[in-house]
Amino acid sequence: MTRNNKKQVERVAKVIEKIQTSRIKVRREVYINAVQAKKLRELSLATRVPQAEYVREGVGLVLNKYERVITMGGDT
């Protein structure tokens, strides 16, 4: 295998791993206030997007915002 082929295989393997781990979902229970719940339900009904999808998007936004804190914090 040539050096370029090896690098390409490594890149493809990383992409496959990222896709596989992004599909695995872990169940979490969260509490939101009544106003948030009402607005989330209304948004979901209006857009036909599941409420869980909006919650996942919100978690992603928060994690991106605080990425520096996470990387500085080390192992937990």
PDB file of N, CA and C in Angstrom:
ATOM      1  N   MET A   1       0.847  -1.177   0.000  1.00  0.00           N
ATOM      2  CA  MET A   1       0.000   0.000   0.000  1.00  0.00           C
ATOM      3  C   MET A   1       0.890   1.236   0.000  1.00  0.00           C
ATOM      4  N   THR A   2       0.592   2.153  -0.880  1.00  0.00           N
ATOM      5  CA  THR A   2       1.393   3.369  -0.957  1.00  0.00           C
ATOM      6  C   THR A   2       1.068   4.290   0.217  1.00  0.00           C
ATOM      7  N   ARG A   3       1.924   5.250   0.423  1.00  0.00           N
ATOM      8  CA  ARG A   3       1.748   6.201   1.519  1.00  0.00           C
ATOM      9  C   ARG A   3       0.443   6.983   1.356  1.00  0.00           C
ATOM     10  N   ASN A   4       0.129   7.417   0.113  1.00  0.00           N
ATOM     11  CA  ASN A   4      -1.108   8.160  -0.139  1.00  0.00           C
ATOM     12  C   ASN A   4      -2.336   7.304   0.114  1.00  0.00           C
ATOM     13  N   ASN A   5      -2.279   6.045  -0.314  1.00  0.00           N
ATOM     14  CA  ASN A   5      -3.406   5.142  -0.077  1.00  0.00           C
ATOM     15  C   ASN A   5      -3.625   4.924   1.414  1.00  0.00           C
ATOM     16  N   LYS A   6      -2.546   4.781   2.158  1.00  0.00           N
ATOM     17  CA  LYS A   6      -2.649   4.565   3.594  1.00  0.00           C
ATOM     18  C   LYS A   6      -3.300   5.770   4.276  1.00  0.00           C
ATOM     19  N   LYS A   7      -2.896   6.973   3.887  1.00  0.00           N
ATOM     20  CA  LYS A   7      -3.492   8.184   4.459  1.00  0.00           C
ATOM     21  C   LYS A   7      -4.965   8.281   4.108  1.00  0.00           C
ATOM     22  N   GLN A   8      -5.300   7.917   2.867  1.00  0.00           N
ATOM     23  CA  GLN A   8      -6.694   7.969   2.445  1.00  0.00           C
ATOM     24  C   GLN A   8      -7.532   6.962   3.233  1.00  0.00           C
ATOM     25  N   VAL A   9      -7.014   5.772   3.449  1.00  0.00           N
ATOM     26  CA  VAL A   9      -7.718   4.758   4.229  1.00  0.00           C
ATOM     27  C   VAL A   9      -7.913   5.237   5.661  1.00  0.00           C
ATOM     28  N   GLU A  10      -6.907   5.873   6.244  1.00  0.00           N
ATOM     29  CA  GLU A  10      -7.010   6.399   7.602  1.00  0.00           C
ATOM     30  C   GLU A  10      -8.081   7.481   7.689  1.00  0.00           C
ATOM     31  N   ARG A  11      -8.133   8.363   6.681  1.00  0.00           N
ATOM     32  CA  ARG A  11      -9.152   9.417   6.663  1.00  0.00           C
ATOM     33  C   ARG A  11     -10.557   8.829   6.555  1.00  0.00           C
ATOM     34  N   VAL A  12     -10.717   7.835   5.689  1.00  0.00           N
ATOM     35  CA  VAL A  12     -12.019   7.193   5.536  1.00  0.00           C
ATOM     36  C   VAL A  12     -12.420   6.505   6.829  1.00  0.00           C
ATOM     37  N   ALA A  13     -11.485   5.845   7.492  1.00  0.00           N
ATOM     38  CA  ALA A  13     -11.775   5.168   8.758  1.00  0.00           C
ATOM     39  C   ALA A  13     -12.232   6.170   9.815  1.00  0.00           C
ATOM     40  N   LYS A  14     -11.603   7.338   9.858  1.00  0.00           N
ATOM     41  CA  LYS A  14     -12.003   8.363  10.821  1.00  0.00           C
ATOM     42  C   LYS A  14     -13.405   8.870  10.525  1.00  0.00           C
ATOM     43  N   VAL A  15     -13.717   9.070   9.257  1.00  0.00           N
ATOM     44  CA  VAL A  15     -15.051   9.530   8.879  1.00  0.00           C
ATOM     45  C   VAL A  15     -16.099   8.486   9.253  1.00  0.00           C
ATOM     46  N   ILE A  16     -15.811   7.226   8.975  1.00  0.00           N
ATOM     47  CA  ILE A  16     -16.748   6.143   9.316  1.00  0.00           C
ATOM     48  C   ILE A  16     -16.964   6.086  10.823  1.00  0.00           C
ATOM     49  N   GLU A  17     -15.898   6.208  11.591  1.00  0.00           N
ATOM     50  CA  GLU A  17     -16.018   6.185  13.052  1.00  0.00           C
ATOM     51  C   GLU A  17     -16.871   7.344  13.549  1.00  0.00           C
ATOM     52  N   LYS A  18     -16.665   8.518  12.970  1.00  0.00           N
ATOM     53  CA  LYS A  18     -17.449   9.692  13.377  1.00  0.00           C
ATOM     54  C   LYS A  18     -18.924   9.495  13.054  1.00  0.00           C
ATOM     55  N   ILE A  19     -19.215   8.952  11.886  1.00  0.00           N
ATOM     56  CA  ILE A  19     -20.604   8.694  11.503  1.00  0.00           C
ATOM     57  C   ILE A  19     -21.237   7.681  12.445  1.00  0.00           C
ATOM     58  N   GLN A  20     -20.525   6.623  12.748  1.00  0.00           N
ATOM     59  CA  GLN A  20     -21.070   5.584  13.622  1.00  0.00           C
ATOM     60  C   GLN A  20     -21.335   6.114  15.020  1.00  0.00           C
ATOM     61  N   THR A  21     -20.429   6.884  15.579  1.00  0.00           N
ATOM     62  CA  THR A  21     -20.632   7.384  16.935  1.00  0.00           C
ATOM     63  C   THR A  21     -21.692   8.468  16.981  1.00  0.00           C
ATOM     64  N   SER A  22     -21.889   9.201  15.884  1.00  0.00           N
ATOM     65  CA  SER A  22     -22.910  10.238  15.890  1.00  0.00           C
ATOM     66  C   SER A  22     -24.313   9.647  15.818  1.00  0.00           C
ATOM     67  N   ARG A  23     -24.435   8.411  15.378  1.00  0.00           N
ATOM     68  CA  ARG A  23     -25.744   7.761  15.278  1.00  0.00           C
ATOM     69  C   ARG A  23     -26.176   7.118  16.595  1.00  0.00           C
ATOM     70  N   ILE A  24     -25.231   6.847  17.458  1.00  0.00           N
ATOM     71  CA  ILE A  24     -25.556   6.225  18.743  1.00  0.00           C
ATOM     72  C   ILE A  24     -26.173   7.286  19.635  1.00  0.00           C
ATOM     73  N   LYS A  25     -27.334   6.986  20.169  1.00  0.00           N
ATOM     74  CA  LYS A  25     -28.005   7.950  21.040  1.00  0.00           C
ATOM     75  C   LYS A  25     -28.032   7.405  22.458  1.00  0.00           C
ATOM     76  N   VAL A  26     -27.796   8.282  23.412  1.00  0.00           N
ATOM     77  CA  VAL A  26     -27.807   7.938  24.820  1.00  0.00           C
ATOM     78  C   VAL A  26     -29.004   8.627  25.448  1.00  0.00           C
ATOM     79  N   ARG A  27     -29.785   7.881  26.179  1.00  0.00           N
ATOM     80  CA  ARG A  27     -30.987   8.452  26.791  1.00  0.00           C
ATOM     81  C   ARG A  27     -30.604   9.312  27.997  1.00  0.00           C
ATOM     82  N   ARG A  28     -31.152  10.529  28.038  1.00  0.00           N
ATOM     83  CA  ARG A  28     -30.966  11.457  29.155  1.00  0.00           C
ATOM     84  C   ARG A  28     -32.319  12.041  29.503  1.00  0.00           C
ATOM     85  N   GLU A  29     -32.526  12.283  30.771  1.00  0.00           N
ATOM     86  CA  GLU A  29     -33.765  12.925  31.215  1.00  0.00           C
ATOM     87  C   GLU A  29     -33.429  14.339  31.634  1.00  0.00           C
ATOM     88  N   VAL A  30     -34.148  15.303  31.074  1.00  0.00           N
ATOM     89  CA  VAL A  30     -33.912  16.705  31.413  1.00  0.00           C
ATOM     90  C   VAL A  30     -35.221  17.336  31.862  1.00  0.00           C
ATOM     91  N   TYR A  31     -35.109  18.329  32.697  1.00  0.00           N
ATOM     92  CA  TYR A  31     -36.280  19.072  33.161  1.00  0.00           C
ATOM     93  C   TYR A  31     -36.220  20.476  32.592  1.00  0.00           C
ATOM     94  N   ILE A  32     -37.322  20.907  32.004  1.00  0.00           N
ATOM     95  CA  ILE A  32     -37.443  22.265  31.504  1.00  0.00           C
ATOM     96  C   ILE A  32     -38.683  22.870  32.137  1.00  0.00           C
ATOM     97  N   ASN A  33     -38.734  24.193  32.182  1.00  0.00           N
ATOM     98  CA  ASN A  33     -39.893  24.804  32.831  1.00  0.00           C
ATOM     99  C   ASN A  33     -41.119  24.726  31.916  1.00  0.00           C
ATOM    100  N   ALA A  34     -42.269  25.052  32.452  1.00  0.00           N
ATOM    101  CA  ALA A  34     -43.540  24.903  31.730  1.00  0.00           C
ATOM    102  C   ALA A  34     -43.600  25.770  30.480  1.00  0.00           C
ATOM    103  N   VAL A  35     -43.060  26.972  30.549  1.00  0.00           N
ATOM    104  CA  VAL A  35     -43.070  27.865  29.387  1.00  0.00           C
ATOM    105  C   VAL A  35     -42.203  27.272  28.275  1.00  0.00           C
ATOM    106  N   GLN A  36     -41.026  26.782  28.638  1.00  0.00           N
ATOM    107  CA  GLN A  36     -40.152  26.161  27.648  1.00  0.00           C
ATOM    108  C   GLN A  36     -40.829  24.946  27.010  1.00  0.00           C
ATOM    109  N   ALA A  37     -41.486  24.146  27.823  1.00  0.00           N
ATOM    110  CA  ALA A  37     -42.160  22.953  27.322  1.00  0.00           C
ATOM    111  C   ALA A  37     -43.264  23.320  26.341  1.00  0.00           C
ATOM    112  N   LYS A  38     -44.028  24.348  26.678  1.00  0.00           N
ATOM    113  CA  LYS A  38     -45.128  24.797  25.816  1.00  0.00           C
ATOM    114  C   LYS A  38     -44.598  25.306  24.482  1.00  0.00           C
ATOM    115  N   LYS A  39     -43.570  26.151  24.543  1.00  0.00           N
ATOM    116  CA  LYS A  39     -43.002  26.713  23.318  1.00  0.00           C
ATOM    117  C   LYS A  39     -42.328  25.635  22.464  1.00  0.00           C
ATOM    118  N   LEU A  40     -41.663  24.698  23.113  1.00  0.00           N
ATOM    119  CA  LEU A  40     -41.021  23.599  22.382  1.00  0.00           C
ATOM    120  C   LEU A  40     -42.066  22.750  21.668  1.00  0.00           C
ATOM    121  N   ARG A  41     -43.171  22.467  22.345  1.00  0.00           N
ATOM    122  CA  ARG A  41     -44.252  21.690  21.739  1.00  0.00           C
ATOM    123  C   ARG A  41     -44.855  22.450  20.562  1.00  0.00           C
ATOM    124  N   GLU A  42     -45.120  23.736  20.733  1.00  0.00           N
ATOM    125  CA  GLU A  42     -45.682  24.552  19.655  1.00  0.00           C
ATOM    126  C   GLU A  42     -44.745  24.593  18.443  1.00  0.00           C
ATOM    127  N   LEU A  43     -43.469  24.762  18.696  1.00  0.00           N
ATOM    128  CA  LEU A  43     -42.481  24.776  17.616  1.00  0.00           C
ATOM    129  C   LEU A  43     -42.477  23.446  16.881  1.00  0.00           C
ATOM    130  N   SER A  44     -42.495  22.371  17.643  1.00  0.00           N
ATOM    131  CA  SER A  44     -42.492  21.037  17.056  1.00  0.00           C
ATOM    132  C   SER A  44     -43.733  20.796  16.200  1.00  0.00           C
ATOM    133  N   LEU A  45     -44.889  21.210  16.703  1.00  0.00           N
ATOM    134  CA  LEU A  45     -46.123  21.040  15.941  1.00  0.00           C
ATOM    135  C   LEU A  45     -46.111  21.884  14.663  1.00  0.00           C
ATOM    136  N   ALA A  46     -45.604  23.103  14.761  1.00  0.00           N
ATOM    137  CA  ALA A  46     -45.589  24.011  13.615  1.00  0.00           C
ATOM    138  C   ALA A  46     -44.613  23.559  12.531  1.00  0.00           C
ATOM    139  N   THR A  47     -43.504  22.969  12.941  1.00  0.00           N
ATOM    140  CA  THR A  47     -42.456  22.610  11.983  1.00  0.00           C
ATOM    141  C   THR A  47     -42.435  21.129  11.636  1.00  0.00           C
ATOM    142  N   ARG A  48     -43.154  20.335  12.419  1.00  0.00           N
ATOM    143  CA  ARG A  48     -43.172  18.874  12.254  1.00  0.00           C
ATOM    144  C   ARG A  48     -41.798  18.254  12.486  1.00  0.00           C
ATOM    145  N   VAL A  49     -40.993  18.928  13.283  1.00  0.00           N
ATOM    146  CA  VAL A  49     -39.679  18.422  13.704  1.00  0.00           C
ATOM    147  C   VAL A  49     -39.843  17.930  15.133  1.00  0.00           C
ATOM    148  N   PRO A  50     -39.374  16.708  15.445  1.00  0.00           N
ATOM    149  CA  PRO A  50     -39.534  16.196  16.804  1.00  0.00           C
ATOM    150  C   PRO A  50     -38.878  17.101  17.855  1.00  0.00           C
ATOM    151  N   GLN A  51     -39.512  17.164  19.014  1.00  0.00           N
ATOM    152  CA  GLN A  51     -38.968  17.974  20.106  1.00  0.00           C
ATOM    153  C   GLN A  51     -37.560  17.521  20.465  1.00  0.00           C
ATOM    154  N   ALA A  52     -37.317  16.228  20.436  1.00  0.00           N
ATOM    155  CA  ALA A  52     -35.995  15.694  20.779  1.00  0.00           C
ATOM    156  C   ALA A  52     -34.913  16.238  19.848  1.00  0.00           C
ATOM    157  N   GLU A  53     -35.269  16.451  18.594  1.00  0.00           N
ATOM    158  CA  GLU A  53     -34.293  16.990  17.647  1.00  0.00           C
ATOM    159  C   GLU A  53     -33.877  18.398  18.051  1.00  0.00           C
ATOM    160  N   TYR A  54     -34.833  19.202  18.504  1.00  0.00           N
ATOM    161  CA  TYR A  54     -34.498  20.555  18.973  1.00  0.00           C
ATOM    162  C   TYR A  54     -33.663  20.506  20.250  1.00  0.00           C
ATOM    163  N   VAL A  55     -33.943  19.573  21.129  1.00  0.00           N
ATOM    164  CA  VAL A  55     -33.150  19.431  22.359  1.00  0.00           C
ATOM    165  C   VAL A  55     -31.722  19.041  22.001  1.00  0.00           C
ATOM    166  N   ARG A  56     -31.562  18.078  21.072  1.00  0.00           N
ATOM    167  CA  ARG A  56     -30.212  17.680  20.648  1.00  0.00           C
ATOM    168  C   ARG A  56     -29.467  18.860  20.020  1.00  0.00           C
ATOM    169  N   GLU A  57     -30.176  19.653  19.212  1.00  0.00           N
ATOM    170  CA  GLU A  57     -29.545  20.821  18.599  1.00  0.00           C
ATOM    171  C   GLU A  57     -29.098  21.815  19.670  1.00  0.00           C
ATOM    172  N   GLY A  58     -29.941  22.026  20.672  1.00  0.00           N
ATOM    173  CA  GLY A  58     -29.592  22.936  21.761  1.00  0.00           C
ATOM    174  C   GLY A  58     -28.378  22.468  22.539  1.00  0.00           C
ATOM    175  N   VAL A  59     -28.312  21.178  22.809  1.00  0.00           N
ATOM    176  CA  VAL A  59     -27.148  20.624  23.518  1.00  0.00           C
ATOM    177  C   VAL A  59     -25.894  20.830  22.671  1.00  0.00           C
ATOM    178  N   GLY A  60     -26.009  20.595  21.383  1.00  0.00           N
ATOM    179  CA  GLY A  60     -24.867  20.804  20.498  1.00  0.00           C
ATOM    180  C   GLY A  60     -24.379  22.239  20.508  1.00  0.00           C
ATOM    181  N   LEU A  61     -25.313  23.186  20.500  1.00  0.00           N
ATOM    182  CA  LEU A  61     -24.939  24.601  20.536  1.00  0.00           C
ATOM    183  C   LEU A  61     -24.195  24.949  21.823  1.00  0.00           C
ATOM    184  N   VAL A  62     -24.678  24.439  22.941  1.00  0.00           N
ATOM    185  CA  VAL A  62     -24.031  24.714  24.229  1.00  0.00           C
ATOM    186  C   VAL A  62     -22.645  24.084  24.272  1.00  0.00           C
ATOM    187  N   LEU A  63     -22.522  22.848  23.801  1.00  0.00           N
ATOM    188  CA  LEU A  63     -21.212  22.191  23.805  1.00  0.00           C
ATOM    189  C   LEU A  63     -20.218  22.922  22.909  1.00  0.00           C
ATOM    190  N   ASN A  64     -20.667  23.396  21.764  1.00  0.00           N
ATOM    191  CA  ASN A  64     -19.785  24.178  20.892  1.00  0.00           C
ATOM    192  C   ASN A  64     -19.370  25.479  21.562  1.00  0.00           C
ATOM    193  N   LYS A  65     -20.309  26.131  22.237  1.00  0.00           N
ATOM    194  CA  LYS A  65     -20.022  27.398  22.912  1.00  0.00           C
ATOM    195  C   LYS A  65     -18.954  27.224  23.985  1.00  0.00           C
ATOM    196  N   TYR A  66     -19.016  26.120  24.726  1.00  0.00           N
ATOM    197  CA  TYR A  66     -18.106  25.901  25.848  1.00  0.00           C
ATOM    198  C   TYR A  66     -17.004  24.892  25.536  1.00  0.00           C
ATOM    199  N   GLU A  67     -16.695  24.698  24.262  1.00  0.00           N
ATOM    200  CA  GLU A  67     -15.686  23.717  23.870  1.00  0.00           C
ATOM    201  C   GLU A  67     -14.332  23.980  24.524  1.00  0.00           C
ATOM    202  N   ARG A  68     -13.959  25.261  24.636  1.00  0.00           N
ATOM    203  CA  ARG A  68     -12.681  25.594  25.285  1.00  0.00           C
ATOM    204  C   ARG A  68     -12.651  25.121  26.721  1.00  0.00           C
ATOM    205  N   VAL A  69     -13.753  25.290  27.425  1.00  0.00           N
ATOM    206  CA  VAL A  69     -13.820  24.873  28.832  1.00  0.00           C
ATOM    207  C   VAL A  69     -13.670  23.360  28.930  1.00  0.00           C
ATOM    208  N   ILE A  70     -14.317  22.647  28.015  1.00  0.00           N
ATOM    209  CA  ILE A  70     -14.258  21.183  28.023  1.00  0.00           C
ATOM    210  C   ILE A  70     -12.844  20.707  27.776  1.00  0.00           C
ATOM    211  N   THR A  71     -12.181  21.265  26.768  1.00  0.00           N
ATOM    212  CA  THR A  71     -10.823  20.810  26.435  1.00  0.00           C
ATOM    213  C   THR A  71      -9.815  21.198  27.511  1.00  0.00           C
ATOM    214  N   MET A  72     -10.062  22.300  28.218  1.00  0.00           N
ATOM    215  CA  MET A  72      -9.159  22.719  29.288  1.00  0.00           C
ATOM    216  C   MET A  72      -9.374  21.886  30.547  1.00  0.00           C
ATOM    217  N   GLY A  73     -10.581  21.387  30.730  1.00  0.00           N
ATOM    218  CA  GLY A  73     -10.924  20.676  31.950  1.00  0.00           C
ATOM    219  C   GLY A  73     -10.288  19.315  32.096  1.00  0.00           C
ATOM    220  N   GLY A  74      -9.907  18.692  31.004  1.00  0.00           N
ATOM    221  CA  GLY A  74      -9.307  17.369  31.078  1.00  0.00           C
ATOM    222  C   GLY A  74     -10.346  16.304  31.293  1.00  0.00           C
ATOM    223  N   ASP A  75      -9.913  15.166  31.841  1.00  0.00           N
ATOM    224  CA  ASP A  75     -10.796  14.034  32.066  1.00  0.00           C
ATOM    225  C   ASP A  75     -11.714  14.272  33.246  1.00  0.00           C
ATOM    226  N   THR A  76     -12.973  13.833  33.102  1.00  0.00           N
ATOM    227  CA  THR A  76     -13.918  13.924  34.215  1.00  0.00           C
ATOM    228  C   THR A  76     -14.528  12.588  34.472  1.00  0.00           C
TER     229      THR A  76
END
